[in-house]
Amino acid sequence: MRSPGGAGLGRGRGWPDRRGAADGACAERRGAAGWGWGGGGAGRTRRVQPAHAQGGGAGPGAGGRRRARGGLRARAARGAGPRRRSAMRRGLRLMAAALGSGSAAGPAPAPASAPRIGTHDGTFHCDEVLACCLLRLLPRYRDAEVVRTRDPQRLAQCDVVVDVGGEYDPERHRYDHHQRSFMQSMRSLRPDKPWTTKLSSAGLVYCHFGSQILAELLGQPEDGTVVTVLYDKLYENFVQEIDAIDNGIAQAEGEPRYALTTTLSARVGHLNPRWNDPDQDTEAGFRRAMELVRGEFMDRLDYYHRAWLPARVLVEEAIRRRFEVDASGLVLELPQGGCPWKEHVFSLEQELALPEPLQLVLFPDRSGQWRVQSVPAGPHTFQSRLPLPEPWRGVRDEALSQLAGIPGCVFVHASGFIGGNRTREGALEMARQTLAQQHEGGAQSG
């Protein structure tokens, strides 16, 4: 038993006290020193005297020893009684408080159990691994225990259940997608979103908690522009892929030209035991998968927040200033190379309702020379909207300058998607001649 201050309340001394005058003298010294329950925090046990001994007088027929003991106690009472009574009252108050809090008497109450996230045991997949990782990024589930089981009774005791249990019920935090009736997509649950891919447990958790997670990690308001833009970006370019793979949805119709074997889902799958391993325990592999997936998610968020999002600002400013570069309004100029501009061009063309699609982009490279690059025909293609003229392709340096009639030419790629010049003015002239040849070709075909 311990006092509220952490001092011991019992050290093996028996009570009531029957040791006589010697103990009476000790009690006197302890009373004078202020020891007792809570008396000065000394942490010693104060033994309580029997009721007949606390009065200070001898009973009828008592012998000399009892009178001597009574005298000692009377003197102690006269010298330290008020202090002892005060110490006892303080001690009683502290003990009452300790009894109420469970810290001094009886066993301490069990600490509040950590939240539990339930998922299935056995072979694991990227979707439930990501679902568990995402939940543990929230403060309320940061220390959650992940319970891997298919036992309905154990799952019923979990605060959240993902990828098992056969039910989707966000009110009860049940997020499975395997039941026959489940056909939910991001668009069906959030009509303002365009994605129709069937959700896995990862997509369900991201749909319901993604904005909270990003707001917590970035220190931004949940309904602010930064969280809104990054929420969409991370679903489209990270979570959706995991949803589709887990649900067996192909990227495109027909036979793919080559296999993708290093996706995050594939790498998580390789952390399961091999079919012929003697040890088929999946717990260690699941923990490694949690670390892998969490790291990839955090790295991707960091890139989108610190590199991709600032690039959007540069591209939007370039679009607003495009007529200062060329009167056609079809050429962008970026202040530095390496900026991931392509995705932003496609999205901002729609958001800003540009009357004509942009064609060419100018930017300096790291050596101080300039590049002119065609805007791709789409976000997932290598085809160009307006490749550089065919006679220039594969030609370099002075031969290219003479052919194009533009000083300082460096190269044009064999496919025509990009070219270089030593100066900004030279690169801009290459862009203007490319636009002029497009117009000439359009006029002739018309």
Protein backbone atom coordinates (compact mmCIF):
# COMPACT_ATOMS: atom_id res chain seq x y z
CA MET A 1 0.00 0.00 0.00
CA ARG A 2 1.38 3.42 -0.89
CA SER A 3 0.54 6.96 0.10
CA PRO A 4 -0.47 9.53 -2.51
CA GLY A 5 3.06 10.92 -2.37
CA GLY A 6 4.52 7.53 -3.21
CA ALA A 7 5.78 6.75 0.32
CA GLY A 8 5.11 3.35 1.86
CA LEU A 9 2.20 3.08 4.26
CA GLY A 10 3.22 -0.28 5.69
CA ARG A 11 6.60 -1.68 6.61
CA GLY A 12 5.59 -4.88 8.40
CA ARG A 13 4.95 -3.42 11.87
CA GLY A 14 2.02 -5.04 13.67
CA TRP A 15 -0.83 -3.00 15.04
CA PRO A 16 -2.42 -2.44 17.57
CA ASP A 17 0.80 -1.62 19.47
CA ARG A 18 1.46 -3.59 22.65
CA ARG A 19 5.16 -2.93 23.15
CA GLY A 20 4.81 -0.69 26.21
CA ALA A 21 6.73 2.31 27.38
CA ALA A 22 9.54 2.01 24.87
CA ASP A 23 7.11 2.25 22.02
CA GLY A 24 5.32 5.05 23.80
CA ALA A 25 8.58 7.01 23.83
CA CYS A 26 9.08 6.22 20.15
CA ALA A 27 5.56 7.42 19.47
CA GLU A 28 6.36 10.61 21.35
CA ARG A 29 9.45 11.20 19.24
CA ARG A 30 7.61 10.41 16.04
CA GLY A 31 4.75 12.69 17.01
CA ALA A 32 7.15 15.50 17.78
CA ALA A 33 8.90 14.96 14.45
CA GLY A 34 5.59 15.12 12.58
CA TRP A 35 5.64 11.56 11.22
CA GLY A 36 2.41 9.78 10.45
CA TRP A 37 0.03 9.45 7.49
CA GLY A 38 0.97 12.33 5.28
CA GLY A 39 2.91 14.06 8.11
CA GLY A 40 5.76 15.78 6.28
CA GLY A 41 5.87 13.08 3.59
CA ALA A 42 8.36 11.01 5.63
CA GLY A 43 6.71 7.86 4.38
CA ARG A 44 6.64 5.88 7.65
CA THR A 45 3.72 3.87 8.92
CA ARG A 46 1.98 5.34 11.90
CA ARG A 47 0.68 2.62 14.19
CA VAL A 48 -2.66 3.31 15.84
CA GLN A 49 -2.86 2.75 19.62
CA PRO A 50 -5.75 0.76 21.10
CA ALA A 51 -8.60 2.88 22.44
CA HIS A 52 -7.92 2.08 26.16
CA ALA A 53 -4.29 3.22 25.81
CA GLN A 54 -4.97 6.52 24.04
CA GLY A 55 -6.64 8.14 27.05
CA GLY A 56 -3.34 8.62 28.96
CA GLY A 57 -4.60 7.22 32.35
CA ALA A 58 -4.43 3.78 33.99
CA GLY A 59 -7.52 1.65 34.37
CA PRO A 60 -8.75 0.41 37.77
CA GLY A 61 -6.31 -1.94 39.37
CA ALA A 62 -3.50 -1.18 36.93
CA GLY A 63 0.02 -1.77 38.14
CA GLY A 64 3.03 0.48 38.14
CA ARG A 65 4.05 -0.40 34.65
CA ARG A 66 0.71 0.74 33.27
CA ARG A 67 0.90 3.99 35.27
CA ALA A 68 4.43 4.60 33.99
CA ARG A 69 3.32 3.95 30.46
CA GLY A 70 0.33 6.23 30.94
CA GLY A 71 2.60 8.95 32.28
CA LEU A 72 4.87 8.77 29.29
CA ARG A 73 1.91 8.96 26.98
CA ALA A 74 0.40 11.82 28.89
CA ARG A 75 3.60 13.80 28.53
CA ALA A 76 3.74 12.94 24.84
CA ALA A 77 0.14 14.02 24.48
CA ARG A 78 0.80 17.33 26.23
CA GLY A 79 3.92 18.01 24.12
CA ALA A 80 2.87 16.78 20.69
CA GLY A 81 -0.84 16.01 20.88
CA PRO A 82 -2.02 18.92 18.77
CA ARG A 83 0.55 18.19 16.09
CA ARG A 84 -0.28 14.49 16.10
CA ARG A 85 -4.00 15.11 15.84
CA SER A 86 -3.40 17.54 12.98
CA ALA A 87 -1.13 15.05 11.25
CA MET A 88 -3.72 12.33 11.73
CA ARG A 89 -6.45 14.48 10.23
CA ARG A 90 -4.24 15.25 7.24
CA GLY A 91 -3.41 11.59 6.90
CA LEU A 92 -7.06 10.57 7.02
CA ARG A 93 -7.91 13.10 4.32
CA LEU A 94 -5.08 11.87 2.11
CA MET A 95 -6.03 8.24 2.67
CA ALA A 96 -9.65 9.00 1.78
CA ALA A 97 -8.48 10.65 -1.43
CA ALA A 98 -6.19 7.73 -2.15
CA LEU A 99 -8.99 5.25 -1.59
CA GLY A 100 -11.17 7.24 -3.98
CA SER A 101 -8.48 7.29 -6.69
CA GLY A 102 -7.30 3.74 -6.13
CA SER A 103 -3.68 4.85 -5.75
CA ALA A 104 -3.08 4.00 -2.10
CA ALA A 105 -5.45 1.27 -0.99
CA GLY A 106 -6.23 -1.90 -2.83
CA PRO A 107 -5.03 -2.72 -6.35
CA ALA A 108 -4.80 0.21 -8.76
CA PRO A 109 -7.44 0.14 -11.49
CA ALA A 110 -6.26 -1.25 -14.79
CA PRO A 111 -5.22 1.49 -17.21
CA ALA A 112 -7.60 2.22 -20.05
CA SER A 113 -6.94 -0.41 -22.68
CA ALA A 114 -5.46 0.75 -25.99
CA PRO A 115 -7.85 0.84 -28.94
CA ARG A 116 -7.90 -2.26 -31.10
CA ILE A 117 -7.92 -2.44 -34.88
CA GLY A 118 -9.12 -5.78 -36.18
CA THR A 119 -8.19 -7.36 -39.49
CA HIS A 120 -7.87 -10.91 -40.81
CA ASP A 121 -4.97 -13.21 -40.10
CA GLY A 122 -3.14 -15.39 -42.61
CA THR A 123 -1.89 -14.03 -45.92
CA PHE A 124 -1.93 -10.24 -45.88
CA HIS A 125 -2.44 -7.75 -48.69
CA CYS A 126 -1.59 -4.14 -49.27
CA ASP A 127 -5.12 -2.82 -48.73
CA GLU A 128 -5.57 -3.90 -45.11
CA VAL A 129 -1.96 -3.02 -44.33
CA LEU A 130 -2.53 0.52 -45.61
CA ALA A 131 -5.89 0.72 -43.82
CA CYS A 132 -4.22 -0.11 -40.50
CA CYS A 133 -1.37 2.33 -41.18
CA LEU A 134 -3.77 5.15 -42.01
CA LEU A 135 -5.80 4.61 -38.86
CA ARG A 136 -2.67 4.65 -36.70
CA LEU A 137 -1.78 8.09 -38.11
CA LEU A 138 -4.77 9.48 -36.19
CA PRO A 139 -4.15 10.50 -32.56
CA ARG A 140 -6.95 8.31 -31.20
CA TYR A 141 -5.52 5.17 -32.83
CA ARG A 142 -1.81 6.00 -32.61
CA ASP A 143 -1.18 3.34 -29.97
CA ALA A 144 -3.81 0.93 -31.23
CA GLU A 145 -3.15 -2.79 -31.13
CA VAL A 146 -3.68 -4.56 -34.46
CA VAL A 147 -5.60 -7.78 -33.79
CA ARG A 148 -5.30 -10.25 -36.67
CA THR A 149 -8.05 -12.87 -36.47
CA ARG A 150 -11.17 -14.19 -38.14
CA ASP A 151 -12.85 -15.04 -34.84
CA PRO A 152 -16.12 -13.04 -34.75
CA GLN A 153 -16.04 -12.76 -30.97
CA ARG A 154 -12.57 -11.22 -30.96
CA LEU A 155 -13.45 -8.92 -33.85
CA ALA A 156 -16.55 -7.77 -31.97
CA GLN A 157 -14.29 -6.46 -29.22
CA CYS A 158 -12.29 -4.28 -31.65
CA ASP A 159 -12.91 -0.56 -32.01
CA VAL A 160 -12.38 -0.69 -35.80
CA VAL A 161 -12.46 -3.68 -38.14
CA VAL A 162 -11.01 -3.57 -41.67
CA ASP A 163 -11.04 -6.07 -44.55
CA VAL A 164 -12.84 -8.79 -42.63
CA GLY A 165 -16.23 -9.39 -41.04
CA GLY A 166 -18.44 -9.07 -44.10
CA GLU A 167 -19.97 -5.68 -43.33
CA TYR A 168 -19.57 -2.04 -44.20
CA ASP A 169 -21.01 0.12 -41.43
CA PRO A 170 -19.14 3.41 -40.86
CA GLU A 171 -21.28 4.20 -37.82
CA ARG A 172 -19.81 1.14 -36.10
CA HIS A 173 -16.41 1.47 -37.83
CA ARG A 174 -16.71 -1.72 -39.86
CA TYR A 175 -14.91 -1.45 -43.22
CA ASP A 176 -15.02 -4.65 -45.23
CA HIS A 177 -15.52 -4.81 -49.01
CA HIS A 178 -15.77 -8.55 -49.67
CA GLN A 179 -19.53 -8.93 -49.23
CA ARG A 180 -21.51 -9.51 -52.43
CA SER A 181 -23.64 -6.41 -51.92
CA PHE A 182 -20.67 -4.05 -51.68
CA MET A 183 -20.20 -1.86 -54.77
CA GLN A 184 -19.03 1.40 -53.22
CA SER A 185 -16.61 3.76 -54.95
CA MET A 186 -15.26 7.14 -53.99
CA ARG A 187 -17.86 8.74 -56.23
CA SER A 188 -20.77 6.81 -54.73
CA LEU A 189 -19.77 7.83 -51.19
CA ARG A 190 -18.64 11.35 -52.10
CA PRO A 191 -20.49 12.56 -55.21
CA ASP A 192 -18.12 15.51 -55.63
CA LYS A 193 -15.29 13.07 -56.50
CA PRO A 194 -14.87 11.57 -59.99
CA TRP A 195 -13.35 8.13 -59.26
CA THR A 196 -15.50 5.07 -59.85
CA THR A 197 -12.99 2.35 -58.90
CA LYS A 198 -14.47 -0.08 -56.38
CA LEU A 199 -13.01 0.61 -52.95
CA SER A 200 -10.98 -1.81 -50.88
CA SER A 201 -10.54 -1.50 -47.13
CA ALA A 202 -7.75 1.02 -47.83
CA GLY A 203 -10.03 3.21 -49.92
CA LEU A 204 -12.84 2.98 -47.35
CA VAL A 205 -10.59 4.13 -44.52
CA TYR A 206 -9.12 6.88 -46.71
CA CYS A 207 -12.59 8.00 -47.80
CA HIS A 208 -13.80 8.40 -44.21
CA PHE A 209 -10.60 9.50 -42.45
CA GLY A 210 -8.24 10.81 -45.16
CA SER A 211 -8.98 14.51 -44.65
CA GLN A 212 -8.55 14.17 -40.87
CA ILE A 213 -5.25 12.35 -41.35
CA LEU A 214 -3.83 14.96 -43.73
CA ALA A 215 -4.99 17.85 -41.55
CA GLU A 216 -3.29 16.24 -38.54
CA LEU A 217 -0.03 15.51 -40.38
CA LEU A 218 0.22 18.88 -42.13
CA GLY A 219 -1.16 21.13 -39.40
CA GLN A 220 -3.69 22.52 -41.88
CA PRO A 221 -7.46 23.01 -41.60
CA GLU A 222 -9.39 19.97 -42.70
CA ASP A 223 -11.53 21.98 -45.13
CA GLY A 224 -8.63 24.12 -46.40
CA THR A 225 -7.30 24.18 -49.96
CA VAL A 226 -4.06 22.35 -49.16
CA VAL A 227 -5.81 19.37 -47.57
CA THR A 228 -8.49 19.28 -50.27
CA VAL A 229 -5.98 19.26 -53.15
CA LEU A 230 -3.66 16.72 -51.53
CA TYR A 231 -6.58 14.48 -50.53
CA ASP A 232 -7.56 14.15 -54.19
CA LYS A 233 -3.98 13.75 -55.38
CA LEU A 234 -3.14 10.99 -52.91
CA TYR A 235 -6.28 9.05 -53.73
CA GLU A 236 -5.79 9.33 -57.48
CA ASN A 237 -2.09 8.52 -57.48
CA PHE A 238 -1.62 6.27 -54.44
CA VAL A 239 -4.72 4.74 -52.83
CA GLN A 240 -6.77 4.10 -55.99
CA GLU A 241 -4.10 1.80 -57.41
CA ILE A 242 -4.25 -0.35 -54.25
CA ASP A 243 -8.07 -0.42 -54.42
CA ALA A 244 -8.00 -1.56 -58.04
CA ILE A 245 -5.34 -4.25 -57.59
CA ASP A 246 -7.06 -5.72 -54.53
CA ASN A 247 -10.38 -5.84 -56.39
CA GLY A 248 -8.82 -7.34 -59.54
CA ILE A 249 -9.48 -4.34 -61.79
CA ALA A 250 -7.13 -4.07 -64.78
CA GLN A 251 -5.60 -0.75 -65.80
CA ALA A 252 -6.91 -1.04 -69.37
CA GLU A 253 -8.73 -3.37 -71.69
CA GLY A 254 -6.75 -6.03 -73.56
CA GLU A 255 -3.44 -7.71 -72.95
CA PRO A 256 -0.78 -5.41 -71.42
CA ARG A 257 2.44 -5.03 -73.36
CA TYR A 258 4.54 -5.66 -70.27
CA ALA A 259 4.07 -6.73 -66.67
CA LEU A 260 4.20 -4.42 -63.66
CA THR A 261 5.80 -6.48 -60.89
CA THR A 262 7.22 -3.85 -58.53
CA THR A 263 4.07 -2.05 -57.43
CA LEU A 264 3.59 -1.41 -53.72
CA SER A 265 0.94 -4.15 -53.65
CA ALA A 266 3.40 -6.61 -55.20
CA ARG A 267 6.16 -5.73 -52.75
CA VAL A 268 3.81 -6.17 -49.80
CA GLY A 269 2.76 -9.55 -51.19
CA HIS A 270 6.39 -10.69 -51.32
CA LEU A 271 6.67 -10.18 -47.55
CA ASN A 272 4.34 -13.14 -46.94
CA PRO A 273 6.01 -16.51 -46.31
CA ARG A 274 6.78 -18.46 -49.48
CA TRP A 275 4.53 -21.41 -50.09
CA ASN A 276 7.28 -23.89 -49.21
CA ASP A 277 8.77 -22.13 -46.19
CA PRO A 278 8.71 -24.37 -43.09
CA ASP A 279 7.56 -21.44 -40.97
CA GLN A 280 4.24 -20.05 -42.24
CA ASP A 281 3.82 -17.45 -39.49
CA THR A 282 2.79 -14.11 -41.04
CA GLU A 283 3.12 -11.80 -38.03
CA ALA A 284 6.71 -10.68 -38.65
CA GLY A 285 5.98 -10.11 -42.33
CA PHE A 286 2.86 -8.10 -41.51
CA ARG A 287 4.88 -5.80 -39.25
CA ARG A 288 7.46 -5.29 -42.00
CA ALA A 289 4.64 -4.53 -44.43
CA MET A 290 3.24 -1.92 -42.04
CA GLU A 291 6.62 -0.19 -41.93
CA LEU A 292 7.00 -0.34 -45.72
CA VAL A 293 3.54 1.01 -46.51
CA ARG A 294 3.65 3.73 -43.87
CA GLY A 295 7.01 4.92 -45.19
CA GLU A 296 5.79 5.00 -48.78
CA PHE A 297 2.64 6.91 -47.85
CA MET A 298 4.59 9.48 -45.82
CA ASP A 299 7.20 9.91 -48.57
CA ARG A 300 4.51 10.44 -51.19
CA LEU A 301 2.69 12.95 -49.00
CA ASP A 302 5.95 14.81 -48.38
CA TYR A 303 6.68 14.98 -52.12
CA TYR A 304 3.21 16.18 -53.03
CA HIS A 305 3.19 18.73 -50.20
CA ARG A 306 6.69 20.15 -50.61
CA ALA A 307 7.38 19.71 -54.36
CA TRP A 308 4.25 18.96 -56.36
CA LEU A 309 1.97 21.53 -54.71
CA PRO A 310 4.43 24.45 -55.00
CA ALA A 311 4.85 23.54 -58.68
CA ARG A 312 1.13 24.07 -59.17
CA VAL A 313 1.54 27.67 -58.03
CA LEU A 314 4.30 28.26 -60.61
CA VAL A 315 2.29 26.68 -63.43
CA GLU A 316 -0.84 28.65 -62.60
CA GLU A 317 1.15 31.90 -62.60
CA ALA A 318 2.73 30.94 -65.95
CA ILE A 319 -0.71 30.29 -67.42
CA ARG A 320 -1.91 33.73 -66.32
CA ARG A 321 1.17 35.35 -67.90
CA ARG A 322 1.25 33.28 -71.09
CA PHE A 323 0.31 36.16 -73.41
CA GLU A 324 3.39 38.03 -72.22
CA VAL A 325 5.52 35.20 -73.65
CA ASP A 326 3.83 34.86 -77.04
CA ALA A 327 0.78 36.51 -78.54
CA SER A 328 -0.76 33.12 -79.32
CA GLY A 329 -1.18 32.34 -75.63
CA LEU A 330 -0.16 28.75 -76.37
CA VAL A 331 3.38 28.85 -74.95
CA LEU A 332 4.19 28.72 -71.23
CA GLU A 333 7.44 29.88 -69.66
CA LEU A 334 8.54 28.42 -66.34
CA PRO A 335 11.23 30.17 -64.28
CA GLN A 336 13.21 26.98 -63.57
CA GLY A 337 13.61 23.44 -64.80
CA GLY A 338 12.74 20.26 -62.96
CA CYS A 339 9.28 21.56 -62.06
CA PRO A 340 6.63 18.80 -62.41
CA TRP A 341 4.32 20.79 -64.67
CA LYS A 342 2.46 18.28 -66.83
CA GLU A 343 -0.29 17.19 -64.43
CA HIS A 344 -0.89 20.79 -63.40
CA VAL A 345 -1.29 21.88 -67.00
CA PHE A 346 -4.04 19.30 -67.59
CA SER A 347 -5.94 20.10 -64.40
CA LEU A 348 -5.59 23.88 -64.67
CA GLU A 349 -6.71 23.91 -68.30
CA GLN A 350 -10.03 22.53 -67.07
CA GLU A 351 -10.27 24.56 -63.86
CA LEU A 352 -9.49 27.84 -65.65
CA ALA A 353 -11.56 26.88 -68.72
CA LEU A 354 -8.85 27.83 -71.22
CA PRO A 355 -10.27 28.39 -74.71
CA GLU A 356 -7.41 26.50 -76.40
CA PRO A 357 -5.14 23.75 -75.11
CA LEU A 358 -1.56 24.77 -74.37
CA GLN A 359 1.06 23.47 -76.79
CA LEU A 360 4.65 24.19 -75.74
CA VAL A 361 6.60 24.92 -72.54
CA LEU A 362 9.89 26.82 -72.16
CA PHE A 363 12.20 26.39 -69.16
CA PRO A 364 15.92 26.66 -68.31
CA ASP A 365 17.91 23.52 -67.58
CA ARG A 366 20.53 23.16 -64.86
CA SER A 367 23.37 24.20 -67.16
CA GLY A 368 21.72 27.53 -67.95
CA GLN A 369 20.61 26.52 -71.44
CA TRP A 370 16.94 26.49 -72.43
CA ARG A 371 14.51 23.76 -73.44
CA VAL A 372 11.33 23.80 -75.47
CA GLN A 373 9.03 20.84 -74.82
CA SER A 374 5.69 19.81 -76.23
CA VAL A 375 2.76 19.30 -73.89
CA PRO A 376 1.80 15.59 -73.91
CA ALA A 377 -1.48 14.61 -75.53
CA GLY A 378 -2.66 13.20 -72.20
CA PRO A 379 -1.49 12.44 -68.66
CA HIS A 380 -0.62 8.80 -69.40
CA THR A 381 0.80 8.91 -72.93
CA PHE A 382 4.12 9.67 -74.59
CA GLN A 383 2.45 11.25 -77.61
CA SER A 384 2.84 15.01 -78.00
CA ARG A 385 0.20 17.61 -78.79
CA LEU A 386 2.63 19.46 -81.05
CA PRO A 387 6.02 17.82 -81.65
CA LEU A 388 8.86 19.92 -83.03
CA PRO A 389 9.13 19.89 -86.85
CA GLU A 390 10.04 16.55 -88.40
CA PRO A 391 13.11 17.85 -90.39
CA TRP A 392 14.73 18.99 -87.09
CA ARG A 393 14.44 15.67 -85.30
CA GLY A 394 17.71 13.94 -84.50
CA VAL A 395 19.80 16.90 -85.79
CA ARG A 396 22.24 18.70 -83.47
CA ASP A 397 24.28 21.87 -82.91
CA GLU A 398 25.40 23.94 -85.90
CA ALA A 399 23.71 21.69 -88.46
CA LEU A 400 20.41 22.21 -86.61
CA SER A 401 20.96 25.97 -86.37
CA GLN A 402 21.53 26.20 -90.13
CA LEU A 403 18.54 23.97 -90.89
CA ALA A 404 16.17 25.92 -88.63
CA GLY A 405 17.73 29.35 -89.25
CA ILE A 406 17.95 29.87 -85.48
CA PRO A 407 21.29 30.57 -83.75
CA GLY A 408 22.37 28.53 -80.74
CA CYS A 409 20.42 25.34 -81.39
CA VAL A 410 21.66 22.34 -79.40
CA PHE A 411 19.42 19.38 -80.31
CA VAL A 412 15.95 18.09 -81.12
CA HIS A 413 14.97 14.64 -79.85
CA ALA A 414 14.32 11.97 -82.47
CA SER A 415 10.64 11.83 -81.47
CA GLY A 416 10.33 15.64 -81.58
CA PHE A 417 8.95 15.96 -78.04
CA ILE A 418 11.78 18.24 -76.82
CA GLY A 419 14.60 20.43 -78.12
CA GLY A 420 17.29 22.71 -76.73
CA ASN A 421 18.90 26.07 -77.39
CA ARG A 422 21.66 28.00 -75.65
CA THR A 423 19.43 31.04 -75.03
CA ARG A 424 15.87 31.84 -74.04
CA GLU A 425 15.38 33.82 -77.23
CA GLY A 426 16.53 30.87 -79.35
CA ALA A 427 14.23 28.42 -77.56
CA LEU A 428 11.29 30.83 -77.94
CA GLU A 429 12.00 31.17 -81.66
CA MET A 430 12.01 27.38 -81.99
CA ALA A 431 8.57 27.35 -80.32
CA ARG A 432 7.23 30.08 -82.61
CA GLN A 433 8.43 28.33 -85.77
CA THR A 434 6.84 25.09 -84.55
CA LEU A 435 3.51 26.90 -84.06
CA ALA A 436 3.85 28.55 -87.50
CA GLN A 437 4.42 25.21 -89.24
CA GLN A 438 1.37 23.79 -87.45
CA HIS A 439 -0.73 26.67 -88.75
CA GLU A 440 0.67 26.27 -92.25
CA GLY A 441 -0.06 22.56 -92.20
CA GLY A 442 -3.59 23.24 -90.94
CA ALA A 443 -4.21 25.80 -93.66
CA GLN A 444 -2.99 23.43 -96.38
CA SER A 445 -5.08 20.56 -95.11
CA GLY A 446 -8.11 22.83 -94.85
